[in-house]
Amino acid sequence: MYGWIWRHMPGNTLVKAVVSVLLVLGIVYLLFTYVFPWAEPLLPFGDVTVDGDGGDGAVG
């Protein structure tokens, strides 16, 4: 897949590298701006199972 993308990008190797970096930065920006904030309430990160009452069987 990546080889196909690389072969179909315009320009020489330097231009392809710059365009690739810009594409990656754009995707990361979109993920952090839109996708992760949308998905955060759907993920169970707030559902913890540690009570803090010492119920782990440890002495002390």
N, C-alpha and C. Protein backbone atom coordinates (compact mmCIF):
# COMPACT_ATOMS: atom_id res chain seq x y z
N MET A 1 0.82 -1.18 0.00
CA MET A 1 0.00 0.00 0.00
C MET A 1 0.88 1.26 0.00
N TYR A 2 1.88 1.30 0.87
CA TYR A 2 2.72 2.50 0.94
C TYR A 2 3.54 2.68 -0.32
N GLY A 3 3.96 1.57 -0.91
CA GLY A 3 4.69 1.66 -2.17
C GLY A 3 3.83 2.23 -3.27
N TRP A 4 2.57 1.84 -3.31
CA TRP A 4 1.65 2.36 -4.31
C TRP A 4 1.46 3.86 -4.13
N ILE A 5 1.29 4.29 -2.88
CA ILE A 5 1.13 5.73 -2.60
C ILE A 5 2.40 6.48 -3.02
N TRP A 6 3.57 5.94 -2.66
CA TRP A 6 4.84 6.60 -2.98
C TRP A 6 5.02 6.73 -4.49
N ARG A 7 4.69 5.69 -5.23
CA ARG A 7 4.86 5.74 -6.69
C ARG A 7 3.90 6.73 -7.35
N HIS A 8 2.74 6.97 -6.76
CA HIS A 8 1.75 7.85 -7.38
C HIS A 8 1.83 9.30 -6.90
N MET A 9 2.75 9.59 -6.01
CA MET A 9 2.93 10.97 -5.57
C MET A 9 3.76 11.72 -6.60
N PRO A 10 3.49 13.02 -6.79
CA PRO A 10 4.25 13.79 -7.78
C PRO A 10 5.61 14.21 -7.24
N GLY A 11 6.54 14.45 -8.14
CA GLY A 11 7.82 15.03 -7.77
C GLY A 11 8.91 14.01 -7.56
N ASN A 12 10.09 14.54 -7.21
CA ASN A 12 11.24 13.69 -6.94
C ASN A 12 11.20 13.21 -5.48
N THR A 13 12.26 12.59 -5.03
CA THR A 13 12.28 12.01 -3.70
C THR A 13 12.11 13.06 -2.60
N LEU A 14 12.75 14.20 -2.76
CA LEU A 14 12.64 15.26 -1.76
C LEU A 14 11.20 15.78 -1.66
N VAL A 15 10.58 16.01 -2.78
CA VAL A 15 9.20 16.51 -2.79
C VAL A 15 8.27 15.46 -2.19
N LYS A 16 8.48 14.20 -2.54
CA LYS A 16 7.66 13.12 -1.98
C LYS A 16 7.82 13.04 -0.46
N ALA A 17 9.04 13.21 0.03
CA ALA A 17 9.28 13.16 1.47
C ALA A 17 8.56 14.31 2.18
N VAL A 18 8.65 15.51 1.61
CA VAL A 18 7.99 16.67 2.22
C VAL A 18 6.48 16.49 2.22
N VAL A 19 5.93 16.03 1.10
CA VAL A 19 4.48 15.81 1.02
C VAL A 19 4.06 14.73 2.01
N SER A 20 4.87 13.68 2.16
CA SER A 20 4.56 12.61 3.11
C SER A 20 4.53 13.14 4.54
N VAL A 21 5.51 13.96 4.90
CA VAL A 21 5.54 14.53 6.25
C VAL A 21 4.33 15.42 6.48
N LEU A 22 3.98 16.22 5.49
CA LEU A 22 2.81 17.09 5.63
C LEU A 22 1.52 16.28 5.77
N LEU A 23 1.41 15.19 5.02
CA LEU A 23 0.23 14.33 5.14
C LEU A 23 0.14 13.70 6.53
N VAL A 24 1.26 13.22 7.03
CA VAL A 24 1.26 12.61 8.37
C VAL A 24 0.89 13.65 9.42
N LEU A 25 1.46 14.85 9.33
CA LEU A 25 1.14 15.90 10.29
C LEU A 25 -0.34 16.29 10.20
N GLY A 26 -0.88 16.34 9.00
CA GLY A 26 -2.30 16.65 8.83
C GLY A 26 -3.19 15.58 9.44
N ILE A 27 -2.83 14.33 9.25
CA ILE A 27 -3.63 13.24 9.83
C ILE A 27 -3.56 13.28 11.35
N VAL A 28 -2.38 13.51 11.90
CA VAL A 28 -2.25 13.61 13.37
C VAL A 28 -3.07 14.77 13.90
N TYR A 29 -3.04 15.90 13.21
CA TYR A 29 -3.84 17.06 13.61
C TYR A 29 -5.33 16.72 13.63
N LEU A 30 -5.81 16.07 12.57
CA LEU A 30 -7.23 15.70 12.51
C LEU A 30 -7.59 14.71 13.61
N LEU A 31 -6.71 13.77 13.90
CA LEU A 31 -6.99 12.81 14.96
C LEU A 31 -7.12 13.51 16.32
N PHE A 32 -6.15 14.37 16.64
CA PHE A 32 -6.17 15.03 17.94
C PHE A 32 -7.26 16.09 18.05
N THR A 33 -7.67 16.68 16.93
CA THR A 33 -8.67 17.74 16.96
C THR A 33 -10.09 17.21 16.94
N TYR A 34 -10.34 16.17 16.15
CA TYR A 34 -11.72 15.72 15.94
C TYR A 34 -11.99 14.29 16.41
N VAL A 35 -11.14 13.35 16.06
CA VAL A 35 -11.44 11.94 16.32
C VAL A 35 -11.29 11.60 17.80
N PHE A 36 -10.17 11.93 18.41
CA PHE A 36 -9.96 11.58 19.81
C PHE A 36 -10.95 12.26 20.75
N PRO A 37 -11.25 13.57 20.60
CA PRO A 37 -12.27 14.16 21.47
C PRO A 37 -13.66 13.53 21.27
N TRP A 38 -13.97 13.12 20.05
CA TRP A 38 -15.26 12.47 19.81
C TRP A 38 -15.31 11.08 20.48
N ALA A 39 -14.20 10.35 20.42
CA ALA A 39 -14.18 8.98 20.93
C ALA A 39 -13.96 8.90 22.43
N GLU A 40 -13.44 9.92 23.05
CA GLU A 40 -13.08 9.86 24.47
C GLU A 40 -14.25 9.52 25.38
N PRO A 41 -15.44 10.10 25.21
CA PRO A 41 -16.54 9.71 26.09
C PRO A 41 -17.00 8.26 25.88
N LEU A 42 -16.69 7.69 24.75
CA LEU A 42 -17.12 6.32 24.46
C LEU A 42 -16.18 5.27 25.03
N LEU A 43 -14.99 5.68 25.47
CA LEU A 43 -13.99 4.74 25.98
C LEU A 43 -14.11 4.59 27.50
N PRO A 44 -13.80 3.41 28.03
CA PRO A 44 -14.00 3.15 29.46
C PRO A 44 -12.84 3.55 30.36
N PHE A 45 -12.15 4.66 30.06
CA PHE A 45 -11.01 5.04 30.87
C PHE A 45 -11.41 5.50 32.27
N GLY A 46 -12.63 5.96 32.45
CA GLY A 46 -13.09 6.40 33.77
C GLY A 46 -13.64 5.27 34.63
N ASP A 47 -13.78 4.09 34.06
CA ASP A 47 -14.32 2.96 34.80
C ASP A 47 -13.19 2.20 35.48
N VAL A 48 -12.83 2.64 36.67
CA VAL A 48 -11.75 2.00 37.40
C VAL A 48 -12.31 0.97 38.35
N THR A 49 -11.50 -0.04 38.66
CA THR A 49 -11.95 -1.10 39.56
C THR A 49 -11.18 -1.10 40.86
N VAL A 50 -10.29 -0.16 41.07
CA VAL A 50 -9.53 -0.08 42.31
C VAL A 50 -10.32 0.77 43.30
N ASP A 51 -10.63 0.18 44.46
CA ASP A 51 -11.45 0.87 45.44
C ASP A 51 -10.65 1.68 46.43
N GLY A 52 -9.47 1.25 46.79
CA GLY A 52 -8.67 1.97 47.78
C GLY A 52 -8.96 1.52 49.20
N ASP A 53 -9.76 0.46 49.38
CA ASP A 53 -10.07 -0.02 50.74
C ASP A 53 -9.11 -1.11 51.19
N GLY A 54 -8.06 -1.35 50.43
CA GLY A 54 -7.09 -2.37 50.81
C GLY A 54 -7.58 -3.76 50.51
N GLY A 55 -8.49 -3.93 49.63
CA GLY A 55 -9.06 -5.23 49.32
C GLY A 55 -8.21 -6.09 48.41
N ASP A 56 -6.93 -5.74 48.25
CA ASP A 56 -6.07 -6.53 47.37
C ASP A 56 -5.38 -7.66 48.09
N GLY A 57 -5.59 -7.81 49.38
CA GLY A 57 -5.00 -8.91 50.14
C GLY A 57 -3.62 -8.58 50.68
N ALA A 58 -3.14 -7.38 50.45
CA ALA A 58 -1.83 -7.00 50.96
C ALA A 58 -1.91 -6.68 52.43
N VAL A 59 -0.89 -7.07 53.17
CA VAL A 59 -0.84 -6.79 54.60
C VAL A 59 -0.06 -5.50 54.80
N GLY A 60 -0.64 -4.63 55.61
CA GLY A 60 0.11 -3.42 55.92
C GLY A 60 -0.68 -2.25 55.74
